Amino acid sequence: MICRYATRNMQNMKLKMVITALIFAASMFTVALQLYVLADLPFWETWLFVGIGELLSMTVGGITIYLISKRINLYK
């Protein structure tokens, strides 16, 4: 919902993907908190590494979807 609200008026698809990836990476504090509570892992390091992993996966996925959408109409 946060991503939808933040990007609802954006026309530039690349900027929309960047904003979405950053929001998802920042939201990984929930995963870090769970790992902190359940596995006794350090919160800040876990948030950093999980956030970086999410940012990388969203970037690769975003680029892939963007390139596919250039060839195939994904709005059907």
Protein backbone atom coordinates (compact mmCIF):
# COMPACT_ATOMS: atom_id res chain seq x y z
CA MET A 1 0.00 0.00 0.00
CA ILE A 2 2.88 2.35 0.75
CA CYS A 3 4.41 1.75 -2.69
CA ARG A 4 1.09 2.23 -4.41
CA TYR A 5 0.48 5.49 -2.57
CA ALA A 6 4.01 6.78 -3.18
CA THR A 7 4.02 6.00 -6.90
CA ARG A 8 0.38 6.44 -7.93
CA ASN A 9 0.93 9.69 -9.86
CA MET A 10 4.29 8.79 -11.42
CA GLN A 11 4.38 8.33 -15.18
CA ASN A 12 8.06 7.39 -15.42
CA MET A 13 8.19 3.60 -15.04
CA LYS A 14 11.91 3.53 -14.26
CA LEU A 15 11.51 6.01 -11.40
CA LYS A 16 8.50 4.07 -10.15
CA MET A 17 10.60 0.88 -10.02
CA VAL A 18 13.44 2.63 -8.19
CA ILE A 19 11.09 4.08 -5.55
CA THR A 20 9.38 0.71 -5.09
CA ALA A 21 12.71 -1.10 -4.67
CA LEU A 22 13.88 1.43 -2.07
CA ILE A 23 10.65 1.19 -0.10
CA PHE A 24 10.79 -2.61 -0.07
CA ALA A 25 14.45 -2.57 1.00
CA ALA A 26 13.68 -0.17 3.84
CA SER A 27 10.72 -2.28 4.95
CA MET A 28 12.99 -5.25 5.62
CA PHE A 29 13.21 -4.05 9.22
CA THR A 30 10.28 -6.41 9.84
CA VAL A 31 12.36 -9.40 8.76
CA ALA A 32 15.33 -8.13 10.76
CA LEU A 33 13.13 -7.75 13.84
CA GLN A 34 11.86 -11.31 13.49
CA LEU A 35 15.40 -12.64 13.15
CA TYR A 36 16.47 -10.54 16.12
CA VAL A 37 13.70 -11.94 18.32
CA LEU A 38 13.63 -15.53 17.11
CA ALA A 39 17.26 -16.24 16.21
CA ASP A 40 19.04 -13.72 18.46
CA LEU A 41 20.79 -12.13 15.48
CA PRO A 42 22.00 -8.51 15.65
CA PHE A 43 19.21 -6.22 14.45
CA TRP A 44 21.14 -3.51 12.58
CA GLU A 45 23.47 -5.88 10.72
CA THR A 46 20.57 -8.14 9.81
CA TRP A 47 18.52 -5.19 8.55
CA LEU A 48 21.48 -3.99 6.47
CA PHE A 49 22.13 -7.37 4.84
CA VAL A 50 18.48 -8.31 4.30
CA GLY A 51 17.80 -4.81 2.93
CA ILE A 52 20.71 -5.03 0.51
CA GLY A 53 19.56 -8.47 -0.61
CA GLU A 54 16.02 -7.20 -1.17
CA LEU A 55 17.30 -4.15 -3.06
CA LEU A 56 19.39 -6.35 -5.34
CA SER A 57 16.57 -8.80 -6.00
CA MET A 58 14.09 -5.98 -6.68
CA THR A 59 16.60 -4.34 -9.04
CA VAL A 60 17.22 -7.53 -11.03
CA GLY A 61 13.50 -8.35 -11.06
CA GLY A 62 12.57 -4.80 -12.04
CA ILE A 63 15.02 -4.72 -14.91
CA THR A 64 13.83 -8.12 -16.10
CA ILE A 65 10.15 -7.12 -16.01
CA TYR A 66 10.95 -3.80 -17.70
CA LEU A 67 12.77 -5.54 -20.56
CA ILE A 68 10.01 -8.13 -20.94
CA SER A 69 7.37 -5.38 -21.01
CA LYS A 70 9.16 -3.80 -23.97
CA ARG A 71 8.38 -6.94 -26.02
CA ILE A 72 5.16 -8.20 -24.46
CA ASN A 73 2.15 -6.14 -23.38
CA LEU A 74 1.80 -7.02 -19.69
CA TYR A 75 -1.35 -4.92 -19.26
CA LYS A 76 -3.57 -7.54 -20.94
